N, C-alpha and C. Protein backbone atom coordinates (compact mmCIF):
# COMPACT_ATOMS: atom_id res chain seq x y z
N MET A 1 -15.59 19.46 -6.09
CA MET A 1 -16.64 18.52 -6.37
C MET A 1 -17.27 18.14 -5.04
N ASN A 2 -18.54 18.34 -4.92
CA ASN A 2 -19.24 18.02 -3.69
C ASN A 2 -20.17 16.85 -3.95
N LEU A 3 -19.76 15.67 -3.55
CA LEU A 3 -20.54 14.48 -3.77
C LEU A 3 -21.30 14.12 -2.51
N SER A 4 -22.58 13.92 -2.64
CA SER A 4 -23.37 13.54 -1.46
C SER A 4 -23.13 12.08 -1.13
N PRO A 5 -23.31 11.70 0.15
CA PRO A 5 -23.09 10.30 0.53
C PRO A 5 -24.00 9.33 -0.21
N SER A 6 -25.17 9.81 -0.65
CA SER A 6 -26.12 8.91 -1.30
C SER A 6 -25.75 8.59 -2.74
N ALA A 7 -24.93 9.44 -3.37
CA ALA A 7 -24.63 9.20 -4.78
C ALA A 7 -23.20 9.58 -5.15
N PRO A 8 -22.21 9.05 -4.44
CA PRO A 8 -20.84 9.45 -4.78
C PRO A 8 -20.35 8.89 -6.09
N SER A 9 -20.92 7.80 -6.57
CA SER A 9 -20.38 7.15 -7.77
C SER A 9 -20.91 7.75 -9.06
N ARG A 10 -21.90 8.65 -9.00
CA ARG A 10 -22.44 9.22 -10.23
C ARG A 10 -21.38 9.98 -11.02
N ARG A 11 -20.48 10.65 -10.35
CA ARG A 11 -19.48 11.45 -11.03
C ARG A 11 -18.09 10.86 -10.89
N ARG A 12 -17.96 9.78 -10.19
CA ARG A 12 -16.66 9.15 -10.00
C ARG A 12 -16.58 7.97 -10.96
N PRO A 13 -15.55 7.92 -11.80
CA PRO A 13 -15.41 6.79 -12.73
C PRO A 13 -15.27 5.46 -11.99
N VAL A 14 -15.70 4.40 -12.63
CA VAL A 14 -15.63 3.06 -12.03
C VAL A 14 -14.20 2.71 -11.64
N GLY A 15 -13.23 3.06 -12.47
CA GLY A 15 -11.83 2.76 -12.16
C GLY A 15 -11.36 3.42 -10.88
N VAL A 16 -11.81 4.64 -10.64
CA VAL A 16 -11.45 5.35 -9.41
C VAL A 16 -12.12 4.67 -8.21
N THR A 17 -13.36 4.25 -8.39
CA THR A 17 -14.06 3.52 -7.32
C THR A 17 -13.32 2.24 -6.98
N VAL A 18 -12.91 1.50 -7.99
CA VAL A 18 -12.16 0.25 -7.78
C VAL A 18 -10.87 0.54 -7.02
N LEU A 19 -10.16 1.59 -7.42
CA LEU A 19 -8.90 1.92 -6.74
C LEU A 19 -9.14 2.37 -5.30
N ALA A 20 -10.22 3.05 -5.04
CA ALA A 20 -10.55 3.44 -3.66
C ALA A 20 -10.76 2.19 -2.80
N VAL A 21 -11.50 1.23 -3.33
CA VAL A 21 -11.76 -0.02 -2.60
C VAL A 21 -10.47 -0.81 -2.43
N VAL A 22 -9.67 -0.92 -3.48
CA VAL A 22 -8.41 -1.66 -3.42
C VAL A 22 -7.47 -1.03 -2.37
N ASN A 23 -7.40 0.29 -2.34
CA ASN A 23 -6.55 0.95 -1.34
C ASN A 23 -7.09 0.73 0.07
N GLY A 24 -8.40 0.70 0.23
CA GLY A 24 -8.99 0.39 1.53
C GLY A 24 -8.66 -1.02 1.98
N ILE A 25 -8.76 -1.97 1.07
CA ILE A 25 -8.40 -3.36 1.37
C ILE A 25 -6.92 -3.46 1.71
N ALA A 26 -6.09 -2.79 0.93
CA ALA A 26 -4.64 -2.80 1.19
C ALA A 26 -4.32 -2.21 2.56
N PHE A 27 -5.01 -1.14 2.93
CA PHE A 27 -4.85 -0.53 4.26
C PHE A 27 -5.13 -1.57 5.35
N CYS A 28 -6.27 -2.26 5.25
CA CYS A 28 -6.65 -3.26 6.26
C CYS A 28 -5.68 -4.44 6.27
N LEU A 29 -5.33 -4.96 5.11
CA LEU A 29 -4.42 -6.11 5.04
C LEU A 29 -3.02 -5.77 5.54
N THR A 30 -2.56 -4.57 5.24
CA THR A 30 -1.24 -4.17 5.71
C THR A 30 -1.20 -4.11 7.23
N LEU A 31 -2.22 -3.49 7.82
CA LEU A 31 -2.30 -3.45 9.29
C LEU A 31 -2.40 -4.85 9.88
N LEU A 32 -3.24 -5.68 9.30
CA LEU A 32 -3.42 -7.05 9.79
C LEU A 32 -2.13 -7.87 9.66
N PHE A 33 -1.47 -7.77 8.51
CA PHE A 33 -0.24 -8.52 8.27
C PHE A 33 0.84 -8.14 9.27
N TRP A 34 1.13 -6.82 9.37
CA TRP A 34 2.20 -6.39 10.26
C TRP A 34 1.81 -6.51 11.72
N GLY A 35 0.53 -6.35 12.03
CA GLY A 35 0.08 -6.57 13.41
C GLY A 35 0.30 -8.01 13.83
N THR A 36 0.02 -8.93 12.92
CA THR A 36 0.24 -10.35 13.21
C THR A 36 1.72 -10.64 13.40
N ILE A 37 2.55 -10.09 12.53
CA ILE A 37 4.01 -10.30 12.65
C ILE A 37 4.51 -9.78 14.00
N ALA A 38 4.08 -8.57 14.36
CA ALA A 38 4.59 -7.94 15.58
C ALA A 38 4.04 -8.58 16.85
N PHE A 39 2.73 -8.75 16.92
CA PHE A 39 2.12 -9.18 18.18
C PHE A 39 2.23 -10.69 18.42
N LYS A 40 2.32 -11.47 17.36
CA LYS A 40 2.53 -12.91 17.53
C LYS A 40 4.01 -13.25 17.54
N LYS A 41 4.86 -12.23 17.36
CA LYS A 41 6.31 -12.39 17.35
C LYS A 41 6.76 -13.48 16.37
N LEU A 42 6.21 -13.41 15.15
CA LEU A 42 6.56 -14.39 14.12
C LEU A 42 7.98 -14.19 13.60
N VAL A 43 8.50 -12.99 13.76
CA VAL A 43 9.88 -12.69 13.39
C VAL A 43 10.55 -12.11 14.63
N PRO A 44 11.67 -12.69 15.04
CA PRO A 44 12.33 -12.16 16.25
C PRO A 44 12.86 -10.76 16.02
N PHE A 45 12.97 -10.01 17.10
CA PHE A 45 13.57 -8.69 17.00
C PHE A 45 15.06 -8.89 16.71
N PRO A 46 15.67 -8.06 15.86
CA PRO A 46 17.07 -8.28 15.44
C PRO A 46 18.06 -8.46 16.60
N SER A 47 17.87 -7.73 17.68
CA SER A 47 18.82 -7.85 18.79
C SER A 47 18.71 -9.18 19.53
N ASP A 48 17.64 -9.94 19.25
CA ASP A 48 17.46 -11.25 19.89
C ASP A 48 18.10 -12.39 19.11
N VAL A 49 18.71 -12.07 17.96
CA VAL A 49 19.27 -13.09 17.07
C VAL A 49 20.79 -12.99 17.09
N ILE A 50 21.46 -14.15 17.18
CA ILE A 50 22.92 -14.18 17.27
C ILE A 50 23.59 -14.27 15.90
N ILE A 51 23.07 -15.11 15.02
CA ILE A 51 23.68 -15.31 13.70
C ILE A 51 23.46 -14.06 12.86
N VAL A 52 24.55 -13.54 12.30
CA VAL A 52 24.52 -12.25 11.59
C VAL A 52 23.53 -12.25 10.42
N ALA A 53 23.53 -13.30 9.61
CA ALA A 53 22.61 -13.35 8.46
C ALA A 53 21.15 -13.35 8.92
N GLU A 54 20.85 -14.08 9.97
CA GLU A 54 19.48 -14.10 10.50
C GLU A 54 19.12 -12.75 11.12
N ARG A 55 20.09 -12.11 11.77
CA ARG A 55 19.85 -10.78 12.35
C ARG A 55 19.54 -9.78 11.23
N ALA A 56 20.29 -9.87 10.14
CA ALA A 56 20.05 -8.96 9.00
C ALA A 56 18.66 -9.19 8.41
N ASN A 57 18.27 -10.45 8.27
CA ASN A 57 16.95 -10.76 7.73
C ASN A 57 15.84 -10.23 8.65
N ALA A 58 16.01 -10.41 9.95
CA ALA A 58 15.03 -9.90 10.91
C ALA A 58 14.97 -8.38 10.86
N ALA A 59 16.14 -7.74 10.72
CA ALA A 59 16.18 -6.28 10.67
C ALA A 59 15.46 -5.75 9.43
N VAL A 60 15.63 -6.43 8.31
CA VAL A 60 14.94 -6.01 7.09
C VAL A 60 13.43 -6.14 7.27
N THR A 61 12.99 -7.24 7.85
CA THR A 61 11.56 -7.43 8.07
C THR A 61 11.00 -6.37 9.00
N TRP A 62 11.68 -6.12 10.11
CA TRP A 62 11.23 -5.09 11.04
C TRP A 62 11.32 -3.70 10.41
N GLY A 63 12.29 -3.50 9.56
CA GLY A 63 12.39 -2.23 8.84
C GLY A 63 11.19 -1.99 7.93
N PHE A 64 10.79 -3.05 7.21
CA PHE A 64 9.59 -2.94 6.38
C PHE A 64 8.36 -2.69 7.25
N LEU A 65 8.26 -3.38 8.37
CA LEU A 65 7.13 -3.20 9.29
C LEU A 65 7.04 -1.73 9.72
N ILE A 66 8.13 -1.19 10.21
CA ILE A 66 8.14 0.19 10.69
C ILE A 66 7.86 1.17 9.55
N GLY A 67 8.50 0.96 8.41
CA GLY A 67 8.27 1.83 7.26
C GLY A 67 6.84 1.80 6.77
N ASP A 68 6.25 0.61 6.72
CA ASP A 68 4.86 0.50 6.28
C ASP A 68 3.91 1.17 7.26
N VAL A 69 4.15 0.99 8.55
CA VAL A 69 3.27 1.60 9.55
C VAL A 69 3.38 3.13 9.50
N ILE A 70 4.59 3.64 9.32
CA ILE A 70 4.80 5.09 9.32
C ILE A 70 4.36 5.73 8.00
N PHE A 71 4.63 5.09 6.88
CA PHE A 71 4.38 5.71 5.58
C PHE A 71 3.21 5.09 4.81
N SER A 72 3.25 3.78 4.59
CA SER A 72 2.25 3.14 3.73
C SER A 72 0.84 3.18 4.31
N VAL A 73 0.71 2.84 5.57
CA VAL A 73 -0.63 2.77 6.17
C VAL A 73 -1.35 4.13 6.10
N PRO A 74 -0.72 5.22 6.54
CA PRO A 74 -1.43 6.51 6.41
C PRO A 74 -1.72 6.89 4.96
N LEU A 75 -0.78 6.61 4.05
CA LEU A 75 -1.02 6.93 2.64
C LEU A 75 -2.16 6.10 2.06
N LEU A 76 -2.23 4.82 2.42
CA LEU A 76 -3.32 3.99 1.92
C LEU A 76 -4.67 4.47 2.44
N PHE A 77 -4.70 4.90 3.70
CA PHE A 77 -5.94 5.44 4.27
C PHE A 77 -6.36 6.71 3.53
N LEU A 78 -5.40 7.64 3.37
CA LEU A 78 -5.71 8.89 2.67
C LEU A 78 -6.09 8.63 1.21
N ALA A 79 -5.43 7.67 0.58
CA ALA A 79 -5.74 7.34 -0.82
C ALA A 79 -7.16 6.79 -0.94
N ALA A 80 -7.52 5.85 -0.07
CA ALA A 80 -8.86 5.26 -0.14
C ALA A 80 -9.93 6.34 0.05
N ARG A 81 -9.73 7.16 1.05
CA ARG A 81 -10.71 8.22 1.35
C ARG A 81 -10.73 9.28 0.25
N GLY A 82 -9.55 9.68 -0.19
CA GLY A 82 -9.45 10.74 -1.19
C GLY A 82 -9.77 10.31 -2.60
N LEU A 83 -9.78 9.02 -2.87
CA LEU A 83 -10.25 8.53 -4.16
C LEU A 83 -11.77 8.37 -4.13
N TRP A 84 -12.29 7.96 -2.99
CA TRP A 84 -13.74 7.78 -2.86
C TRP A 84 -14.46 9.12 -3.02
N ARG A 85 -13.96 10.12 -2.36
CA ARG A 85 -14.47 11.49 -2.50
C ARG A 85 -13.33 12.29 -3.14
N PRO A 86 -13.30 12.30 -4.45
CA PRO A 86 -12.14 12.83 -5.17
C PRO A 86 -11.59 14.14 -4.60
N SER A 87 -10.31 14.06 -4.22
CA SER A 87 -9.61 15.24 -3.70
C SER A 87 -8.16 15.20 -4.14
N PRO A 88 -7.53 16.37 -4.22
CA PRO A 88 -6.11 16.40 -4.59
C PRO A 88 -5.23 15.61 -3.63
N ILE A 89 -5.55 15.66 -2.33
CA ILE A 89 -4.77 14.89 -1.34
C ILE A 89 -4.91 13.39 -1.61
N GLY A 90 -6.11 12.95 -1.95
CA GLY A 90 -6.33 11.53 -2.24
C GLY A 90 -5.56 11.07 -3.46
N TRP A 91 -5.57 11.91 -4.50
CA TRP A 91 -4.83 11.57 -5.72
C TRP A 91 -3.33 11.48 -5.42
N THR A 92 -2.82 12.47 -4.70
CA THR A 92 -1.39 12.49 -4.36
C THR A 92 -1.02 11.31 -3.48
N ALA A 93 -1.83 11.04 -2.46
CA ALA A 93 -1.57 9.90 -1.57
C ALA A 93 -1.60 8.59 -2.35
N ALA A 94 -2.54 8.45 -3.27
CA ALA A 94 -2.62 7.22 -4.07
C ALA A 94 -1.38 7.05 -4.93
N GLN A 95 -0.91 8.13 -5.55
CA GLN A 95 0.29 8.02 -6.37
C GLN A 95 1.51 7.71 -5.50
N MET A 96 1.59 8.30 -4.32
CA MET A 96 2.70 8.00 -3.42
C MET A 96 2.64 6.54 -2.97
N ALA A 97 1.45 6.05 -2.64
CA ALA A 97 1.29 4.65 -2.23
C ALA A 97 1.68 3.72 -3.39
N ASN A 98 1.30 4.09 -4.61
CA ASN A 98 1.67 3.28 -5.78
C ASN A 98 3.18 3.14 -5.89
N ILE A 99 3.89 4.22 -5.74
CA ILE A 99 5.35 4.18 -5.84
C ILE A 99 5.94 3.34 -4.71
N LEU A 100 5.37 3.46 -3.51
CA LEU A 100 5.85 2.61 -2.40
C LEU A 100 5.62 1.13 -2.70
N TRP A 101 4.47 0.79 -3.30
CA TRP A 101 4.22 -0.61 -3.68
C TRP A 101 5.29 -1.09 -4.65
N LEU A 102 5.56 -0.28 -5.66
CA LEU A 102 6.52 -0.70 -6.68
C LEU A 102 7.92 -0.83 -6.10
N TYR A 103 8.31 0.12 -5.27
CA TYR A 103 9.64 0.08 -4.66
C TYR A 103 9.78 -1.13 -3.73
N SER A 104 8.86 -1.26 -2.78
CA SER A 104 9.01 -2.32 -1.78
C SER A 104 8.86 -3.71 -2.39
N MET A 105 7.96 -3.85 -3.36
CA MET A 105 7.80 -5.17 -3.97
C MET A 105 8.98 -5.52 -4.86
N THR A 106 9.67 -4.54 -5.41
CA THR A 106 10.90 -4.82 -6.15
C THR A 106 11.93 -5.44 -5.21
N VAL A 107 12.09 -4.85 -4.03
CA VAL A 107 13.03 -5.38 -3.04
C VAL A 107 12.60 -6.77 -2.60
N VAL A 108 11.34 -6.94 -2.26
CA VAL A 108 10.84 -8.23 -1.76
C VAL A 108 10.97 -9.31 -2.82
N LEU A 109 10.58 -9.01 -4.05
CA LEU A 109 10.66 -10.02 -5.11
C LEU A 109 12.09 -10.38 -5.45
N MET A 110 12.99 -9.41 -5.40
CA MET A 110 14.41 -9.70 -5.64
C MET A 110 14.94 -10.63 -4.55
N ARG A 111 14.61 -10.31 -3.29
CA ARG A 111 15.03 -11.17 -2.18
C ARG A 111 14.44 -12.57 -2.33
N ASP A 112 13.14 -12.63 -2.64
CA ASP A 112 12.46 -13.92 -2.76
C ASP A 112 12.98 -14.74 -3.94
N ALA A 113 13.46 -14.08 -4.98
CA ALA A 113 14.00 -14.81 -6.13
C ALA A 113 15.23 -15.61 -5.76
N PHE A 114 15.95 -15.17 -4.72
CA PHE A 114 17.17 -15.86 -4.30
C PHE A 114 16.96 -16.71 -3.06
N THR A 115 15.74 -16.73 -2.53
CA THR A 115 15.44 -17.57 -1.35
C THR A 115 14.17 -18.35 -1.66
N VAL A 116 13.12 -18.06 -0.94
CA VAL A 116 11.80 -18.66 -1.18
C VAL A 116 10.78 -17.54 -1.21
N MET A 117 9.66 -17.80 -1.87
CA MET A 117 8.60 -16.78 -1.93
C MET A 117 8.05 -16.57 -0.52
N SER A 118 8.07 -15.35 -0.06
CA SER A 118 7.62 -15.03 1.29
C SER A 118 6.11 -14.82 1.32
N PRO A 119 5.50 -15.00 2.50
CA PRO A 119 4.06 -14.73 2.61
C PRO A 119 3.70 -13.30 2.20
N GLY A 120 4.53 -12.34 2.57
CA GLY A 120 4.28 -10.95 2.18
C GLY A 120 4.36 -10.77 0.67
N GLY A 121 5.29 -11.45 0.04
CA GLY A 121 5.41 -11.37 -1.41
C GLY A 121 4.16 -11.88 -2.10
N VAL A 122 3.65 -12.99 -1.62
CA VAL A 122 2.43 -13.58 -2.20
C VAL A 122 1.22 -12.68 -1.93
N LEU A 123 1.10 -12.21 -0.70
CA LEU A 123 -0.06 -11.41 -0.31
C LEU A 123 -0.11 -10.06 -1.01
N PHE A 124 1.04 -9.41 -1.14
CA PHE A 124 1.05 -8.04 -1.62
C PHE A 124 1.38 -7.87 -3.11
N LEU A 125 1.80 -8.93 -3.79
CA LEU A 125 2.10 -8.81 -5.22
C LEU A 125 0.90 -8.29 -6.03
N PRO A 126 -0.32 -8.75 -5.78
CA PRO A 126 -1.45 -8.19 -6.55
C PRO A 126 -1.58 -6.68 -6.42
N PHE A 127 -1.28 -6.14 -5.25
CA PHE A 127 -1.37 -4.69 -5.05
C PHE A 127 -0.31 -3.96 -5.87
N ALA A 128 0.86 -4.55 -5.99
CA ALA A 128 1.91 -3.95 -6.81
C ALA A 128 1.50 -3.96 -8.28
N LEU A 129 0.87 -5.04 -8.72
CA LEU A 129 0.41 -5.11 -10.11
C LEU A 129 -0.67 -4.06 -10.38
N VAL A 130 -1.59 -3.89 -9.44
CA VAL A 130 -2.61 -2.85 -9.57
C VAL A 130 -1.94 -1.48 -9.59
N ALA A 131 -0.89 -1.30 -8.78
CA ALA A 131 -0.20 -0.01 -8.71
C ALA A 131 0.40 0.38 -10.06
N VAL A 132 0.91 -0.59 -10.80
CA VAL A 132 1.49 -0.29 -12.12
C VAL A 132 0.42 0.36 -13.00
N TRP A 133 -0.75 -0.26 -13.05
CA TRP A 133 -1.86 0.28 -13.84
C TRP A 133 -2.34 1.61 -13.27
N SER A 134 -2.44 1.67 -11.96
CA SER A 134 -2.99 2.83 -11.28
C SER A 134 -2.19 4.11 -11.53
N VAL A 135 -0.88 4.01 -11.59
CA VAL A 135 -0.05 5.20 -11.83
C VAL A 135 -0.50 5.90 -13.12
N PHE A 136 -0.65 5.13 -14.18
CA PHE A 136 -1.03 5.70 -15.47
C PHE A 136 -2.49 6.12 -15.50
N TYR A 137 -3.35 5.28 -14.93
CA TYR A 137 -4.78 5.58 -14.92
C TYR A 137 -5.07 6.86 -14.14
N LEU A 138 -4.50 6.99 -12.95
CA LEU A 138 -4.74 8.20 -12.15
C LEU A 138 -4.16 9.44 -12.82
N TRP A 139 -3.07 9.28 -13.54
CA TRP A 139 -2.53 10.43 -14.26
C TRP A 139 -3.54 10.89 -15.32
N LYS A 140 -4.12 9.91 -16.00
CA LYS A 140 -5.12 10.23 -17.04
C LYS A 140 -6.36 10.89 -16.42
N GLU A 141 -6.73 10.51 -15.21
CA GLU A 141 -7.93 11.03 -14.54
C GLU A 141 -7.65 12.19 -13.60
N ARG A 142 -6.46 12.77 -13.66
CA ARG A 142 -6.06 13.78 -12.67
C ARG A 142 -6.98 14.99 -12.62
N ASN A 143 -7.59 15.36 -13.72
CA ASN A 143 -8.47 16.53 -13.72
C ASN A 143 -9.66 16.36 -12.79
N LEU A 144 -10.12 15.15 -12.62
CA LEU A 144 -11.22 14.88 -11.69
C LEU A 144 -10.86 15.32 -10.28
N PHE A 145 -9.61 15.11 -9.90
CA PHE A 145 -9.17 15.40 -8.53
C PHE A 145 -8.76 16.86 -8.36
N TRP A 146 -8.15 17.42 -9.36
CA TRP A 146 -7.64 18.77 -9.21
C TRP A 146 -8.71 19.82 -9.47
N SER A 147 -9.83 19.43 -10.05
CA SER A 147 -10.95 20.37 -10.20
C SER A 147 -11.98 20.16 -9.10
N ALA A 148 -11.68 19.28 -8.15
CA ALA A 148 -12.61 18.94 -7.06
C ALA A 148 -12.71 20.02 -6.01
N GLN A 149 -11.81 20.97 -6.01
CA GLN A 149 -11.81 21.99 -4.96
C GLN A 149 -12.93 22.97 -5.12
């Protein structure tokens, strides 16, 4: 599928356009969120903490930061781009990002259920809810992406 820059939405369903924008927003917010955590040192590095429970909590947060930067951020970028201009890589990246949202938010919400709702839980929960819908919607629309070559 060769979509010109002037009219990409003519052949792209509205739902796919919405998901492309949502993935783009998620890409920016994820970078901004973790950049703020890292550069403002809002969470200490695990080796700087003496109490074991606090060290474990810091390690989990830094683990999510590193995992999101290595896996989620590139997938969100590829998903946004590949949904906007339908491509098999975009569809695959979007589905992978969806599964990462569901997995990580399950962990975060379980942790938050036994402590307090975290800023990340509040900020990213809407993306996990969109991901639930997106998995099924993108499966239904898969022919758009796989015939795009």
